[in-house]
Protein backbone atom coordinates (compact mmCIF):
# COMPACT_ATOMS: atom_id res chain seq x y z
CA UNK A 1 181.95 23.42 146.03
CA UNK A 2 179.55 22.60 142.85
CA UNK A 3 181.54 22.41 139.72
CA UNK A 4 179.18 24.90 137.79
CA UNK A 5 180.69 27.40 140.48
CA UNK A 6 184.32 26.42 139.78
CA UNK A 7 183.82 26.60 135.87
CA UNK A 8 181.13 29.41 135.41
CA UNK A 9 182.49 31.85 137.98
CA UNK A 10 179.09 33.92 138.51
CA UNK A 11 179.12 37.57 139.11
CA UNK A 12 177.06 37.37 142.33
CA UNK A 13 175.70 34.51 144.58
CA UNK A 14 172.31 34.57 145.91
CA UNK A 15 172.14 32.15 148.39
CA UNK A 16 168.97 30.73 151.44
CA UNK A 17 170.22 29.96 154.67
CA UNK A 18 167.68 27.09 154.73
CA UNK A 19 168.59 24.46 152.33
CA UNK A 20 168.09 20.93 152.60
CA UNK A 21 171.46 19.62 152.39
CA UNK A 22 173.86 22.11 154.26
CA UNK A 23 172.91 25.67 155.46
CA UNK A 24 173.75 28.65 153.51
CA UNK A 25 176.28 29.94 156.55
CA UNK A 26 178.56 26.86 155.53
CA UNK A 27 178.12 27.10 151.87
CA UNK A 28 178.82 31.01 152.38
CA UNK A 29 182.07 29.85 154.47
CA UNK A 30 183.30 27.52 152.03
CA UNK A 31 182.88 29.80 149.03
CA UNK A 32 185.05 32.28 150.92
CA UNK A 33 187.86 30.09 151.52
CA UNK A 34 188.09 28.72 147.93
CA UNK A 35 190.79 31.23 146.10
CA UNK A 36 188.84 30.63 143.04
CA UNK A 37 185.43 31.98 144.34
CA UNK A 38 186.03 33.98 147.42
CA UNK A 39 185.93 37.37 145.56
CA UNK A 40 182.49 36.71 144.18
CA UNK A 41 179.94 38.51 146.35
CA UNK A 42 177.50 36.48 148.52
CA UNK A 43 174.33 37.94 149.33
CA UNK A 44 172.14 36.08 151.77
CA UNK A 45 168.27 36.11 150.69
CA UNK A 46 166.44 34.49 153.44
CA UNK A 47 163.42 33.99 155.91
CA UNK A 48 165.93 32.79 158.59
CA UNK A 49 164.85 35.22 161.35
CA UNK A 50 161.65 34.35 161.00
CA UNK A 51 161.56 30.53 161.04
CA UNK A 52 164.42 30.05 164.07
CA UNK A 53 162.33 27.88 165.55
CA UNK A 54 161.56 25.42 162.62
CA UNK A 55 165.53 24.89 162.10
CA UNK A 56 168.20 23.49 163.84
CA UNK A 57 170.32 26.02 162.42
CA UNK A 58 171.88 27.79 165.49
CA UNK A 59 171.30 31.72 165.13
CA UNK A 60 174.69 32.21 166.54
CA UNK A 61 176.10 30.84 162.91
CA UNK A 62 174.81 34.30 161.56
CA UNK A 63 177.65 36.24 163.91
CA UNK A 64 180.44 34.79 161.46
CA UNK A 65 178.69 35.52 158.55
CA UNK A 66 180.88 35.54 155.29
CA UNK A 67 178.66 37.22 153.13
CA UNK A 68 178.34 40.66 152.14
CA UNK A 69 174.77 41.51 152.54
CA UNK A 70 172.09 39.88 154.45
CA UNK A 71 168.25 40.44 152.71
CA UNK A 72 165.42 39.15 154.83
CA UNK A 73 162.59 37.98 152.82
CA UNK A 74 160.33 39.10 151.56
CA UNK A 75 161.84 41.68 149.92
CA UNK A 76 160.37 43.90 146.78
CA UNK A 77 161.95 43.03 143.62
CA UNK A 78 163.16 46.93 143.30
CA UNK A 79 164.96 46.50 146.79
CA UNK A 80 166.29 43.25 145.52
CA UNK A 81 167.54 44.66 142.28
CA UNK A 82 169.10 47.60 143.85
CA UNK A 83 171.11 45.63 146.09
CA UNK A 84 172.52 43.43 143.51
CA UNK A 85 173.10 46.17 141.31
CA UNK A 86 175.45 47.96 144.34
CA UNK A 87 177.54 44.51 144.43
CA UNK A 88 177.85 44.00 140.61
CA UNK A 89 179.12 47.67 140.36
CA UNK A 90 182.53 46.91 142.47
């Protein structure tokens, strides 16, 4: 995990699925396995379902989703803020 995550300990993580080095499914899995980071809510904010043919990431990876929520892009700012607030209150 990036050093910034273990040093800063964010209250919440917004994570995309399609990323250049490792996909968001792998990143979420690693976050949830790390005892220092596993309690941080992870919200997947992505257009993955619209771009399945453009990536080599298998759809089946989403079945093991380790995130608290999955938000499909585009999303209104109001909806995004509402979901973020919901998880920050927990």
